[in-house]
C-alpha cells in the first residue's frame, strides 16, 4: 500500500513532485549515514555489537545487542507487533530455555562457549519448531481465501470465454495458460535434477527420484506460492512466512526421502540424499520468493488501477532474464 500511495501522489499533483523530492533526499541522507556507519564498524573505529556472558546457577546465558540501520528499516516496515514477537523469542530462548538446557553440564568451558554451543545445537531447533507451527497455523487460516482466489480466477476465465467484458482489475493471464506454463517449467527442472544425480550414488534411482520430486515441487510449490503470495499481497513481503514454509518443505522432503531409502544407507548415500533434498527444497524456496515479490507488485498495481495481465507479462520477462543473467554471475563469483 505504501508503494501504491507513492505512485499515486507522485503522478497526481505538483505537491507529489515536491513530496517525491523530499523523499529522495531522505533516502539519500539515510543511505549516506548507513554507509558511513558501515565503514566505521568495518574499520573497527565503532563497535557494531556488544555482548556479555554469565552464569545462571549451573547454566549459562548472555545478553547481546547491536546497531543495524537495515534492521531499523525492517522494524519500521514490520511494525511493533512483529518486534514484540521477536523480543518474546529472545526472552524465551536466551533467558529461559538456555539456562535450563545448559544446567546439565554436558558442555564445559566458559559461559560464552557453553551458551553458544547449546544455543546452536538445541535452542535453534525450538525456534525452528515455533516457526513451523506458525507456518501450519498460517496455512490453516488462509486456506479458505486461497481456494476462493483460485475459484475466482477460474470463474473470470470462464466469463471471458463466454464473451463477458471483465473489469480492468480482473483481466489476468488465463488460468489455462498459467497451468500449461507451470507444467512446462517441470521439464527444465527435471533436466536440472538429472544432471545433479548423474555419476553419483543416487543415479540408479534417478527416474523415481526425479518423478517424485517433480510431483513434490508441483504440489508443494503451488501451495507455498499461494500462501506466500497471498500474505505478501495482504501485508507485504516483509511479513510473508517464507522461513516457516521453507522449514515445512525441507521436513516434508526429508521425511519422503527417509521413507523411501530408510536409515540404513552408506555415508556417501546419506550425504547425496541431504544434498538432493536441499536442492529440491531450494527450488521450492525459489517459488516462494518469486511469488512473494510478484504478488506484492501485483497488489500495488491493483491499488493504482493497473492492468493485471500486462504486469504479469512484465514479471515473467523479469524472471526469464533473471534466470539468464544470475547463474553466470554466480558461477563467476564462485
C-alpha atoms as a PDB file:
ATOM      1  CA  UNK A   1       0.000   0.000   0.000  1.00  0.00           C
ATOM      2  CA  UNK A   2       2.882   2.373   0.759  1.00  0.00           C
ATOM      3  CA  UNK A   3       4.297   1.843  -2.734  1.00  0.00           C
ATOM      4  CA  UNK A   4       0.879   2.471  -4.243  1.00  0.00           C
ATOM      5  CA  UNK A   5       0.482   5.713  -2.315  1.00  0.00           C
ATOM      6  CA  UNK A   6       3.894   6.871  -3.529  1.00  0.00           C
ATOM      7  CA  UNK A   7       2.859   6.213  -7.125  1.00  0.00           C
ATOM      8  CA  UNK A   8      -0.477   7.976  -6.681  1.00  0.00           C
ATOM      9  CA  UNK A   9       0.995  11.056  -5.051  1.00  0.00           C
ATOM     10  CA  UNK A  10       3.910  11.240  -7.456  1.00  0.00           C
ATOM     11  CA  UNK A  11       1.684  11.070 -10.521  1.00  0.00           C
ATOM     12  CA  UNK A  12      -1.263  13.089  -9.296  1.00  0.00           C
ATOM     13  CA  UNK A  13      -0.135  16.557  -8.329  1.00  0.00           C
ATOM     14  CA  UNK A  14       2.576  19.171  -8.165  1.00  0.00           C
ATOM     15  CA  UNK A  15       2.749  18.593  -4.441  1.00  0.00           C
ATOM     16  CA  UNK A  16       3.513  14.989  -5.291  1.00  0.00           C
ATOM     17  CA  UNK A  17       6.677  16.094  -7.080  1.00  0.00           C
ATOM     18  CA  UNK A  18       7.772  18.098  -4.049  1.00  0.00           C
ATOM     19  CA  UNK A  19       6.993  15.169  -1.782  1.00  0.00           C
ATOM     20  CA  UNK A  20       8.995  12.860  -4.041  1.00  0.00           C
ATOM     21  CA  UNK A  21      11.964  15.239  -3.908  1.00  0.00           C
ATOM     22  CA  UNK A  22      11.833  15.327  -0.112  1.00  0.00           C
ATOM     23  CA  UNK A  23      11.539  11.548  -0.013  1.00  0.00           C
ATOM     24  CA  UNK A  24      14.527  11.154  -2.310  1.00  0.00           C
ATOM     25  CA  UNK A  25      16.545  13.485  -0.097  1.00  0.00           C
ATOM     26  CA  UNK A  26      15.677  11.421   2.972  1.00  0.00           C
ATOM     27  CA  UNK A  27      16.637   8.197   1.198  1.00  0.00           C
ATOM     28  CA  UNK A  28      19.987   9.621   0.067  1.00  0.00           C
ATOM     29  CA  UNK A  29      20.753  11.020   3.526  1.00  0.00           C
ATOM     30  CA  UNK A  30      19.896   7.720   5.205  1.00  0.00           C
ATOM     31  CA  UNK A  31      21.992   5.798   2.690  1.00  0.00           C
ATOM     32  CA  UNK A  32      24.993   8.053   3.362  1.00  0.00           C
ATOM     33  CA  UNK A  33      24.615   7.689   7.134  1.00  0.00           C
ATOM     34  CA  UNK A  34      24.228   3.912   6.868  1.00  0.00           C
ATOM     35  CA  UNK A  35      27.255   3.606   4.587  1.00  0.00           C
ATOM     36  CA  UNK A  36      29.300   5.816   6.909  1.00  0.00           C
ATOM     37  CA  UNK A  37      28.374   3.705   9.913  1.00  0.00           C
ATOM     38  CA  UNK A  38      29.269   0.533   7.998  1.00  0.00           C
ATOM     39  CA  UNK A  39      32.698   1.995   7.173  1.00  0.00           C
ATOM     40  CA  UNK A  40      33.278   2.882  10.818  1.00  0.00           C
ATOM     41  CA  UNK A  41      32.318  -0.599  12.014  1.00  0.00           C
ATOM     42  CA  UNK A  42      34.404  -2.386   9.380  1.00  0.00           C
ATOM     43  CA  UNK A  43      37.449  -0.297  10.267  1.00  0.00           C
ATOM     44  CA  UNK A  44      36.829  -1.121  13.956  1.00  0.00           C
ATOM     45  CA  UNK A  45      36.515   2.543  14.896  1.00  0.00           C
ATOM     46  CA  UNK A  46      32.998   1.881  16.199  1.00  0.00           C
ATOM     47  CA  UNK A  47      31.578  -1.312  17.681  1.00  0.00           C
ATOM     48  CA  UNK A  48      28.530  -2.617  15.831  1.00  0.00           C
ATOM     49  CA  UNK A  49      27.556  -5.020  18.610  1.00  0.00           C
ATOM     50  CA  UNK A  50      28.370  -5.873  22.196  1.00  0.00           C
ATOM     51  CA  UNK A  51      27.696  -8.924  24.344  1.00  0.00           C
ATOM     52  CA  UNK A  52      28.240 -10.191  27.848  1.00  0.00           C
ATOM     53  CA  UNK A  53      28.070 -13.789  29.073  1.00  0.00           C
ATOM     54  CA  UNK A  54      27.429 -15.006  32.585  1.00  0.00           C
ATOM     55  CA  UNK A  55      26.443 -17.985  34.695  1.00  0.00           C
ATOM     56  CA  UNK A  56      22.891 -18.554  35.893  1.00  0.00           C
ATOM     57  CA  UNK A  57      23.151 -21.170  38.606  1.00  0.00           C
ATOM     58  CA  UNK A  58      24.580 -24.268  36.942  1.00  0.00           C
ATOM     59  CA  UNK A  59      23.718 -22.933  33.488  1.00  0.00           C
ATOM     60  CA  UNK A  60      24.873 -20.048  31.335  1.00  0.00           C
ATOM     61  CA  UNK A  61      23.391 -17.389  29.102  1.00  0.00           C
ATOM     62  CA  UNK A  62      24.155 -13.926  27.832  1.00  0.00           C
ATOM     63  CA  UNK A  63      22.880 -10.576  26.666  1.00  0.00           C
ATOM     64  CA  UNK A  64      23.915  -9.114  23.338  1.00  0.00           C
ATOM     65  CA  UNK A  65      22.879  -6.149  21.281  1.00  0.00           C
ATOM     66  CA  UNK A  66      23.850  -4.363  18.128  1.00  0.00           C
ATOM     67  CA  UNK A  67      23.044  -1.421  15.908  1.00  0.00           C
ATOM     68  CA  UNK A  68      21.973  -2.102  12.335  1.00  0.00           C
ATOM     69  CA  UNK A  69      20.353   0.540  10.157  1.00  0.00           C
ATOM     70  CA  UNK A  70      18.981  -2.208   7.920  1.00  0.00           C
ATOM     71  CA  UNK A  71      17.195  -3.779  10.887  1.00  0.00           C
ATOM     72  CA  UNK A  72      15.865  -0.374  11.935  1.00  0.00           C
ATOM     73  CA  UNK A  73      14.319  -0.014   8.498  1.00  0.00           C
ATOM     74  CA  UNK A  74      12.925  -3.541   8.623  1.00  0.00           C
ATOM     75  CA  UNK A  75      11.459  -2.845  12.050  1.00  0.00           C
ATOM     76  CA  UNK A  76       9.726   0.249  10.712  1.00  0.00           C
ATOM     77  CA  UNK A  77       8.173  -1.875   7.969  1.00  0.00           C
ATOM     78  CA  UNK A  78       7.009  -4.850  10.033  1.00  0.00           C
ATOM     79  CA  UNK A  79       5.714  -2.841  12.984  1.00  0.00           C
ATOM     80  CA  UNK A  80       5.651  -3.143  16.753  1.00  0.00           C
ATOM     81  CA  UNK A  81       3.734  -6.439  16.876  1.00  0.00           C
ATOM     82  CA  UNK A  82       6.429  -8.332  14.978  1.00  0.00           C
ATOM     83  CA  UNK A  83       9.105  -6.631  17.061  1.00  0.00           C
ATOM     84  CA  UNK A  84       7.418  -7.719  20.285  1.00  0.00           C
ATOM     85  CA  UNK A  85       7.129 -11.273  18.957  1.00  0.00           C
ATOM     86  CA  UNK A  86      10.869 -11.291  18.291  1.00  0.00           C
ATOM     87  CA  UNK A  87      11.558  -9.887  21.763  1.00  0.00           C
ATOM     88  CA  UNK A  88       9.412 -12.648  23.266  1.00  0.00           C
ATOM     89  CA  UNK A  89      11.528 -15.150  21.343  1.00  0.00           C
ATOM     90  CA  UNK A  90      14.697 -13.619  22.800  1.00  0.00           C
ATOM     91  CA  UNK A  91      13.313 -13.862  26.333  1.00  0.00           C
ATOM     92  CA  UNK A  92      12.164 -17.466  25.923  1.00  0.00           C
ATOM     93  CA  UNK A  93      15.247 -18.634  24.041  1.00  0.00           C
ATOM     94  CA  UNK A  94      18.078 -16.859  25.836  1.00  0.00           C
ATOM     95  CA  UNK A  95      16.741 -16.257  29.324  1.00  0.00           C
ATOM     96  CA  UNK A  96      14.515 -19.298  29.917  1.00  0.00           C
ATOM     97  CA  UNK A  97      15.475 -22.218  27.669  1.00  0.00           C
ATOM     98  CA  UNK A  98      19.226 -21.601  27.524  1.00  0.00           C
ATOM     99  CA  UNK A  99      19.819 -21.528  31.314  1.00  0.00           C
ATOM    100  CA  UNK A 100      17.758 -24.721  31.667  1.00  0.00           C
ATOM    101  CA  UNK A 101      19.470 -26.597  28.827  1.00  0.00           C
ATOM    102  CA  UNK A 102      22.980 -25.567  29.881  1.00  0.00           C
ATOM    103  CA  UNK A 103      22.499 -26.597  33.503  1.00  0.00           C
ATOM    104  CA  UNK A 104      23.074 -30.284  32.737  1.00  0.00           C
ATOM    105  CA  UNK A 105      26.841 -29.868  32.491  1.00  0.00           C
ATOM    106  CA  UNK A 106      27.170 -31.730  29.180  1.00  0.00           C
ATOM    107  CA  UNK A 107      29.226 -28.857  27.716  1.00  0.00           C
ATOM    108  CA  UNK A 108      32.259 -27.449  29.501  1.00  0.00           C
ATOM    109  CA  UNK A 109      34.128 -24.192  29.091  1.00  0.00           C
ATOM    110  CA  UNK A 110      33.463 -20.524  29.659  1.00  0.00           C
ATOM    111  CA  UNK A 111      29.950 -19.147  29.903  1.00  0.00           C
ATOM    112  CA  UNK A 112      30.244 -17.870  26.321  1.00  0.00           C
ATOM    113  CA  UNK A 113      31.344 -21.246  24.938  1.00  0.00           C
ATOM    114  CA  UNK A 114      28.638 -23.145  26.814  1.00  0.00           C
ATOM    115  CA  UNK A 115      25.851 -20.733  25.857  1.00  0.00           C
ATOM    116  CA  UNK A 116      26.786 -20.537  22.171  1.00  0.00           C
ATOM    117  CA  UNK A 117      27.281 -24.299  21.833  1.00  0.00           C
ATOM    118  CA  UNK A 118      23.931 -25.204  23.377  1.00  0.00           C
ATOM    119  CA  UNK A 119      22.167 -22.400  21.525  1.00  0.00           C
ATOM    120  CA  UNK A 120      23.393 -23.686  18.161  1.00  0.00           C
ATOM    121  CA  UNK A 121      22.735 -27.350  18.916  1.00  0.00           C
ATOM    122  CA  UNK A 122      19.446 -27.157  20.846  1.00  0.00           C
ATOM    123  CA  UNK A 123      17.751 -23.783  21.216  1.00  0.00           C
ATOM    124  CA  UNK A 124      17.677 -23.077  17.485  1.00  0.00           C
ATOM    125  CA  UNK A 125      15.589 -26.212  16.977  1.00  0.00           C
ATOM    126  CA  UNK A 126      12.986 -24.825  19.361  1.00  0.00           C
ATOM    127  CA  UNK A 127      12.872 -21.708  17.211  1.00  0.00           C
ATOM    128  CA  UNK A 128      12.550 -23.770  14.051  1.00  0.00           C
ATOM    129  CA  UNK A 129       9.688 -25.688  15.636  1.00  0.00           C
ATOM    130  CA  UNK A 130       7.899 -22.476  16.568  1.00  0.00           C
ATOM    131  CA  UNK A 131       8.318 -21.189  13.016  1.00  0.00           C
ATOM    132  CA  UNK A 132       6.974 -24.482  11.661  1.00  0.00           C
ATOM    133  CA  UNK A 133       3.914 -24.368  13.920  1.00  0.00           C
ATOM    134  CA  UNK A 134       3.293 -20.755  12.914  1.00  0.00           C
ATOM    135  CA  UNK A 135       3.507 -21.767   9.265  1.00  0.00           C
ATOM    136  CA  UNK A 136       0.965 -24.562   9.769  1.00  0.00           C
ATOM    137  CA  UNK A 137      -1.341 -22.139  11.564  1.00  0.00           C
ATOM    138  CA  UNK A 138      -0.987 -19.675   8.696  1.00  0.00           C
ATOM    139  CA  UNK A 139      -1.797 -22.408   6.182  1.00  0.00           C
ATOM    140  CA  UNK A 140      -4.952 -23.332   8.067  1.00  0.00           C
ATOM    141  CA  UNK A 141      -6.082 -19.724   8.433  1.00  0.00           C
ATOM    142  CA  UNK A 142      -5.735 -18.708   4.803  1.00  0.00           C
ATOM    143  CA  UNK A 143      -6.720 -21.961   3.106  1.00  0.00           C
ATOM    144  CA  UNK A 144     -10.219 -20.589   2.519  1.00  0.00           C
ATOM    145  CA  UNK A 145      -9.159 -17.299   0.897  1.00  0.00           C
ATOM    146  CA  UNK A 146      -6.603 -19.097  -1.282  1.00  0.00           C
ATOM    147  CA  UNK A 147      -9.215 -21.555  -2.561  1.00  0.00           C
ATOM    148  CA  UNK A 148     -11.571 -18.636  -3.112  1.00  0.00           C
ATOM    149  CA  UNK A 149      -8.932 -16.869  -5.180  1.00  0.00           C
ATOM    150  CA  UNK A 150      -8.447 -19.915  -7.402  1.00  0.00           C
ATOM    151  CA  UNK A 151     -12.201 -20.203  -7.888  1.00  0.00           C
ATOM    152  CA  UNK A 152     -12.381 -16.522  -8.765  1.00  0.00           C
ATOM    153  CA  UNK A 153      -9.656 -16.959 -11.390  1.00  0.00           C
ATOM    154  CA  UNK A 154     -11.481 -19.931 -12.909  1.00  0.00           C
ATOM    155  CA  UNK A 155     -14.777 -18.020 -12.910  1.00  0.00           C
ATOM    156  CA  UNK A 156     -13.175 -14.994 -14.575  1.00  0.00           C
ATOM    157  CA  UNK A 157     -11.628 -17.208 -17.240  1.00  0.00           C
ATOM    158  CA  UNK A 158     -14.989 -18.873 -17.922  1.00  0.00           C
ATOM    159  CA  UNK A 159     -16.732 -15.493 -18.108  1.00  0.00           C
ATOM    160  CA  UNK A 160     -14.180 -14.223 -20.608  1.00  0.00           C
ATOM    161  CA  UNK A 161     -14.677 -17.274 -22.813  1.00  0.00           C
ATOM    162  CA  UNK A 162     -18.412 -16.581 -22.685  1.00  0.00           C
ATOM    163  CA  UNK A 163     -17.897 -13.119 -24.159  1.00  0.00           C
ATOM    164  CA  UNK A 164     -18.335 -11.150 -20.957  1.00  0.00           C
ATOM    165  CA  UNK A 165     -16.302  -7.952 -20.644  1.00  0.00           C
ATOM    166  CA  UNK A 166     -14.293  -8.176 -17.445  1.00  0.00           C
ATOM    167  CA  UNK A 167     -13.399  -5.285 -15.201  1.00  0.00           C
ATOM    168  CA  UNK A 168      -9.871  -3.982 -15.699  1.00  0.00           C
ATOM    169  CA  UNK A 169      -8.592  -5.445 -12.427  1.00  0.00           C
ATOM    170  CA  UNK A 170      -9.922  -8.905 -13.390  1.00  0.00           C
ATOM    171  CA  UNK A 171      -8.043  -9.194 -16.686  1.00  0.00           C
ATOM    172  CA  UNK A 172      -5.391 -11.730 -15.775  1.00  0.00           C
ATOM    173  CA  UNK A 173      -3.492 -14.149 -17.962  1.00  0.00           C
ATOM    174  CA  UNK A 174      -5.979 -17.029 -18.494  1.00  0.00           C
ATOM    175  CA  UNK A 175      -5.653 -19.699 -15.820  1.00  0.00           C
ATOM    176  CA  UNK A 176      -5.291 -22.375 -18.511  1.00  0.00           C
ATOM    177  CA  UNK A 177      -2.176 -20.711 -19.899  1.00  0.00           C
ATOM    178  CA  UNK A 178      -0.822 -20.397 -16.364  1.00  0.00           C
ATOM    179  CA  UNK A 179      -1.360 -24.122 -15.817  1.00  0.00           C
ATOM    180  CA  UNK A 180       0.289 -25.096 -19.104  1.00  0.00           C
ATOM    181  CA  UNK A 181       3.237 -22.824 -18.379  1.00  0.00           C
ATOM    182  CA  UNK A 182       3.650 -24.283 -14.899  1.00  0.00           C
ATOM    183  CA  UNK A 183       3.700 -27.827 -16.274  1.00  0.00           C
ATOM    184  CA  UNK A 184       6.171 -26.810 -18.987  1.00  0.00           C
ATOM    185  CA  UNK A 185       8.552 -25.487 -16.321  1.00  0.00           C
ATOM    186  CA  UNK A 186       8.808 -29.005 -14.908  1.00  0.00           C
ATOM    187  CA  UNK A 187      10.865 -30.023 -17.959  1.00  0.00           C
ATOM    188  CA  UNK A 188      13.935 -27.836 -17.234  1.00  0.00           C
ATOM    189  CA  UNK A 189      13.597 -28.644 -13.531  1.00  0.00           C
ATOM    190  CA  UNK A 190      13.696 -32.356 -14.364  1.00  0.00           C
ATOM    191  CA  UNK A 191      16.775 -31.835 -16.551  1.00  0.00           C
ATOM    192  CA  UNK A 192      18.471 -29.941 -13.724  1.00  0.00           C
ATOM    193  CA  UNK A 193      17.750 -32.725 -11.238  1.00  0.00           C
ATOM    194  CA  UNK A 194      19.007 -35.328 -13.725  1.00  0.00           C
ATOM    195  CA  UNK A 195      22.344 -33.532 -14.057  1.00  0.00           C
ATOM    196  CA  UNK A 196      22.599 -33.415 -10.261  1.00  0.00           C
ATOM    197  CA  UNK A 197      22.088 -37.168  -9.914  1.00  0.00           C
ATOM    198  CA  UNK A 198      24.338 -38.250 -12.780  1.00  0.00           C
ATOM    199  CA  UNK A 199      27.505 -40.013 -11.678  1.00  0.00           C
ATOM    200  CA  UNK A 200      26.503 -40.096  -8.011  1.00  0.00           C
ATOM    201  CA  UNK A 201      25.323 -42.809  -5.625  1.00  0.00           C
ATOM    202  CA  UNK A 202      21.680 -41.973  -6.387  1.00  0.00           C
ATOM    203  CA  UNK A 203      21.956 -42.381 -10.158  1.00  0.00           C
ATOM    204  CA  UNK A 204      20.354 -45.846 -10.095  1.00  0.00           C
ATOM    205  CA  UNK A 205      17.223 -44.337  -8.526  1.00  0.00           C
ATOM    206  CA  UNK A 206      17.232 -41.229 -10.716  1.00  0.00           C
ATOM    207  CA  UNK A 207      13.981 -41.868 -12.592  1.00  0.00           C
ATOM    208  CA  UNK A 208      11.908 -42.492  -9.488  1.00  0.00           C
ATOM    209  CA  UNK A 209      13.558 -39.684  -7.557  1.00  0.00           C
ATOM    210  CA  UNK A 210      13.017 -37.142 -10.310  1.00  0.00           C
ATOM    211  CA  UNK A 211       9.409 -38.188 -10.878  1.00  0.00           C
ATOM    212  CA  UNK A 212       8.629 -37.942  -7.176  1.00  0.00           C
ATOM    213  CA  UNK A 213      10.492 -34.645  -6.896  1.00  0.00           C
ATOM    214  CA  UNK A 214       8.542 -33.105  -9.766  1.00  0.00           C
ATOM    215  CA  UNK A 215       5.250 -34.079  -8.132  1.00  0.00           C
ATOM    216  CA  UNK A 216       6.533 -32.694  -4.826  1.00  0.00           C
ATOM    217  CA  UNK A 217       7.635 -29.426  -6.435  1.00  0.00           C
ATOM    218  CA  UNK A 218       4.353 -29.056  -8.316  1.00  0.00           C
ATOM    219  CA  UNK A 219       2.071 -29.715  -5.345  1.00  0.00           C
ATOM    220  CA  UNK A 220       4.095 -28.143  -2.541  1.00  0.00           C
ATOM    221  CA  UNK A 221       5.234 -25.308  -4.787  1.00  0.00           C
ATOM    222  CA  UNK A 222       1.627 -24.497  -5.671  1.00  0.00           C
ATOM    223  CA  UNK A 223       0.619 -24.429  -2.008  1.00  0.00           C
ATOM    224  CA  UNK A 224       3.626 -22.365  -0.967  1.00  0.00           C
ATOM    225  CA  UNK A 225       3.221 -19.909  -3.840  1.00  0.00           C
ATOM    226  CA  UNK A 226      -0.431 -19.437  -2.935  1.00  0.00           C
ATOM    227  CA  UNK A 227       0.259 -18.939   0.777  1.00  0.00           C
ATOM    228  CA  UNK A 228       3.319 -16.693   0.476  1.00  0.00           C
ATOM    229  CA  UNK A 229       1.820 -14.739  -2.395  1.00  0.00           C
ATOM    230  CA  UNK A 230      -1.429 -14.198  -0.519  1.00  0.00           C
ATOM    231  CA  UNK A 231       0.382 -12.972   2.585  1.00  0.00           C
ATOM    232  CA  UNK A 232       2.702 -10.735   0.548  1.00  0.00           C
ATOM    233  CA  UNK A 233      -0.251  -9.148  -1.206  1.00  0.00           C
ATOM    234  CA  UNK A 234      -2.133  -8.755   2.056  1.00  0.00           C
ATOM    235  CA  UNK A 235       0.526  -7.393   4.423  1.00  0.00           C
ATOM    236  CA  UNK A 236       3.703  -7.124   2.336  1.00  0.00           C
ATOM    237  CA  UNK A 237       6.628  -9.385   1.530  1.00  0.00           C
ATOM    238  CA  UNK A 238       8.420  -8.456   4.774  1.00  0.00           C
ATOM    239  CA  UNK A 239       5.784 -10.335   6.786  1.00  0.00           C
ATOM    240  CA  UNK A 240       5.393 -13.300   4.447  1.00  0.00           C
ATOM    241  CA  UNK A 241       6.039 -16.656   6.201  1.00  0.00           C
ATOM    242  CA  UNK A 242       8.779 -17.836   3.821  1.00  0.00           C
ATOM    243  CA  UNK A 243      11.033 -19.142   6.602  1.00  0.00           C
ATOM    244  CA  UNK A 244       8.332 -21.216   8.252  1.00  0.00           C
ATOM    245  CA  UNK A 245       7.028 -22.561   4.966  1.00  0.00           C
ATOM    246  CA  UNK A 246      10.588 -23.424   3.942  1.00  0.00           C
ATOM    247  CA  UNK A 247      11.151 -25.379   7.149  1.00  0.00           C
ATOM    248  CA  UNK A 248       7.973 -27.359   6.497  1.00  0.00           C
ATOM    249  CA  UNK A 249       9.119 -28.020   2.929  1.00  0.00           C
ATOM    250  CA  UNK A 250      12.529 -29.394   3.933  1.00  0.00           C
ATOM    251  CA  UNK A 251      10.914 -31.515   6.652  1.00  0.00           C
ATOM    252  CA  UNK A 252       8.441 -32.936   4.148  1.00  0.00           C
ATOM    253  CA  UNK A 253      11.197 -33.636   1.608  1.00  0.00           C
ATOM    254  CA  UNK A 254      13.375 -35.279   4.263  1.00  0.00           C
ATOM    255  CA  UNK A 255      10.556 -37.497   5.505  1.00  0.00           C
ATOM    256  CA  UNK A 256       9.773 -38.638   1.964  1.00  0.00           C
ATOM    257  CA  UNK A 257      13.430 -39.456   1.249  1.00  0.00           C
ATOM    258  CA  UNK A 258      13.843 -41.355   4.517  1.00  0.00           C
ATOM    259  CA  UNK A 259      10.634 -43.302   3.913  1.00  0.00           C
ATOM    260  CA  UNK A 260      11.985 -44.327   0.503  1.00  0.00           C
ATOM    261  CA  UNK A 261      15.631 -45.105   1.282  1.00  0.00           C
ATOM    262  CA  UNK A 262      15.379 -45.827   5.002  1.00  0.00           C
ATOM    263  CA  UNK A 263      18.033 -45.005   7.572  1.00  0.00           C
ATOM    264  CA  UNK A 264      20.457 -47.881   6.934  1.00  0.00           C
ATOM    265  CA  UNK A 265      22.341 -46.393   3.980  1.00  0.00           C
ATOM    266  CA  UNK A 266      26.003 -45.775   3.251  1.00  0.00           C
ATOM    267  CA  UNK A 267      27.504 -42.461   4.432  1.00  0.00           C
ATOM    268  CA  UNK A 268      28.070 -41.372   0.842  1.00  0.00           C
ATOM    269  CA  UNK A 269      24.442 -42.066   0.004  1.00  0.00           C
ATOM    270  CA  UNK A 270      23.307 -40.140   3.073  1.00  0.00           C
ATOM    271  CA  UNK A 271      25.308 -37.087   2.016  1.00  0.00           C
ATOM    272  CA  UNK A 272      23.919 -37.342  -1.505  1.00  0.00           C
ATOM    273  CA  UNK A 273      20.366 -37.538  -0.153  1.00  0.00           C
ATOM    274  CA  UNK A 274      20.939 -34.493   2.042  1.00  0.00           C
ATOM    275  CA  UNK A 275      22.306 -32.541  -0.918  1.00  0.00           C
ATOM    276  CA  UNK A 276      19.465 -33.653  -3.176  1.00  0.00           C
ATOM    277  CA  UNK A 277      16.846 -32.763  -0.568  1.00  0.00           C
ATOM    278  CA  UNK A 278      18.353 -29.294  -0.178  1.00  0.00           C
ATOM    279  CA  UNK A 279      18.391 -28.758  -3.946  1.00  0.00           C
ATOM    280  CA  UNK A 280      14.728 -29.734  -4.279  1.00  0.00           C
ATOM    281  CA  UNK A 281      13.835 -27.525  -1.332  1.00  0.00           C
ATOM    282  CA  UNK A 282      15.876 -24.716  -2.886  1.00  0.00           C
ATOM    283  CA  UNK A 283      13.640 -24.898  -5.946  1.00  0.00           C
ATOM    284  CA  UNK A 284      10.590 -24.672  -3.704  1.00  0.00           C
ATOM    285  CA  UNK A 285      12.163 -21.699  -1.912  1.00  0.00           C
ATOM    286  CA  UNK A 286      12.646 -20.059  -5.299  1.00  0.00           C
ATOM    287  CA  UNK A 287       8.946 -20.499  -5.989  1.00  0.00           C
ATOM    288  CA  UNK A 288       8.128 -18.929  -2.620  1.00  0.00           C
ATOM    289  CA  UNK A 289      10.361 -15.885  -3.049  1.00  0.00           C
ATOM    290  CA  UNK A 290       9.212 -15.237  -6.620  1.00  0.00           C
ATOM    291  CA  UNK A 291       5.570 -15.443  -5.554  1.00  0.00           C
ATOM    292  CA  UNK A 292       6.378 -13.024  -2.726  1.00  0.00           C
ATOM    293  CA  UNK A 293       7.860 -10.393  -5.000  1.00  0.00           C
ATOM    294  CA  UNK A 294       5.371 -10.822  -7.818  1.00  0.00           C
ATOM    295  CA  UNK A 295       2.246 -10.719  -5.678  1.00  0.00           C
ATOM    296  CA  UNK A 296       3.439  -7.618  -3.858  1.00  0.00           C
ATOM    297  CA  UNK A 297       3.923  -5.922  -7.230  1.00  0.00           C
ATOM    298  CA  UNK A 298       0.519  -7.105  -8.429  1.00  0.00           C
ATOM    299  CA  UNK A 299      -1.135  -5.823  -5.259  1.00  0.00           C
ATOM    300  CA  UNK A 300       0.483  -2.435  -5.797  1.00  0.00           C
ATOM    301  CA  UNK A 301      -0.794  -2.467  -9.370  1.00  0.00           C
ATOM    302  CA  UNK A 302      -4.302  -3.289  -8.208  1.00  0.00           C
ATOM    303  CA  UNK A 303      -4.296  -0.341  -5.826  1.00  0.00           C
ATOM    304  CA  UNK A 304      -3.305   2.098  -8.584  1.00  0.00           C
ATOM    305  CA  UNK A 305      -5.595   0.586 -11.230  1.00  0.00           C
ATOM    306  CA  UNK A 306      -3.029  -1.232 -13.394  1.00  0.00           C
ATOM    307  CA  UNK A 307      -3.943  -3.991 -15.855  1.00  0.00           C
ATOM    308  CA  UNK A 308      -3.003  -7.336 -14.235  1.00  0.00           C
ATOM    309  CA  UNK A 309      -2.088  -9.284 -17.369  1.00  0.00           C
ATOM    310  CA  UNK A 310       0.321  -6.575 -18.509  1.00  0.00           C
ATOM    311  CA  UNK A 311       2.004  -6.650 -15.117  1.00  0.00           C
ATOM    312  CA  UNK A 312       2.165 -10.432 -15.225  1.00  0.00           C
ATOM    313  CA  UNK A 313       3.825 -10.418 -18.644  1.00  0.00           C
ATOM    314  CA  UNK A 314       6.391  -7.888 -17.413  1.00  0.00           C
ATOM    315  CA  UNK A 315       7.071 -10.004 -14.317  1.00  0.00           C
ATOM    316  CA  UNK A 316       7.520 -13.121 -16.454  1.00  0.00           C
ATOM    317  CA  UNK A 317      10.041 -11.274 -18.598  1.00  0.00           C
ATOM    318  CA  UNK A 318      11.871 -10.242 -15.438  1.00  0.00           C
ATOM    319  CA  UNK A 319      12.023 -13.834 -14.199  1.00  0.00           C
ATOM    320  CA  UNK A 320      13.317 -15.075 -17.564  1.00  0.00           C
ATOM    321  CA  UNK A 321      16.086 -12.500 -17.796  1.00  0.00           C
ATOM    322  CA  UNK A 322      16.959 -13.001 -14.139  1.00  0.00           C
ATOM    323  CA  UNK A 323      17.339 -16.727 -14.804  1.00  0.00           C
ATOM    324  CA  UNK A 324      19.616 -15.971 -17.747  1.00  0.00           C
ATOM    325  CA  UNK A 325      21.809 -13.381 -16.031  1.00  0.00           C
ATOM    326  CA  UNK A 326      22.136 -14.603 -12.439  1.00  0.00           C
ATOM    327  CA  UNK A 327      23.643 -18.130 -12.920  1.00  0.00           C
ATOM    328  CA  UNK A 328      26.696 -16.962 -14.933  1.00  0.00           C
ATOM    329  CA  UNK A 329      27.332 -14.235 -12.368  1.00  0.00           C
ATOM    330  CA  UNK A 330      27.169 -16.743  -9.506  1.00  0.00           C
ATOM    331  CA  UNK A 331      29.492 -19.107 -11.371  1.00  0.00           C
ATOM    332  CA  UNK A 332      31.917 -16.248 -11.942  1.00  0.00           C
ATOM    333  CA  UNK A 333      31.855 -15.263  -8.276  1.00  0.00           C
ATOM    334  CA  UNK A 334      32.208 -18.899  -7.211  1.00  0.00           C
END
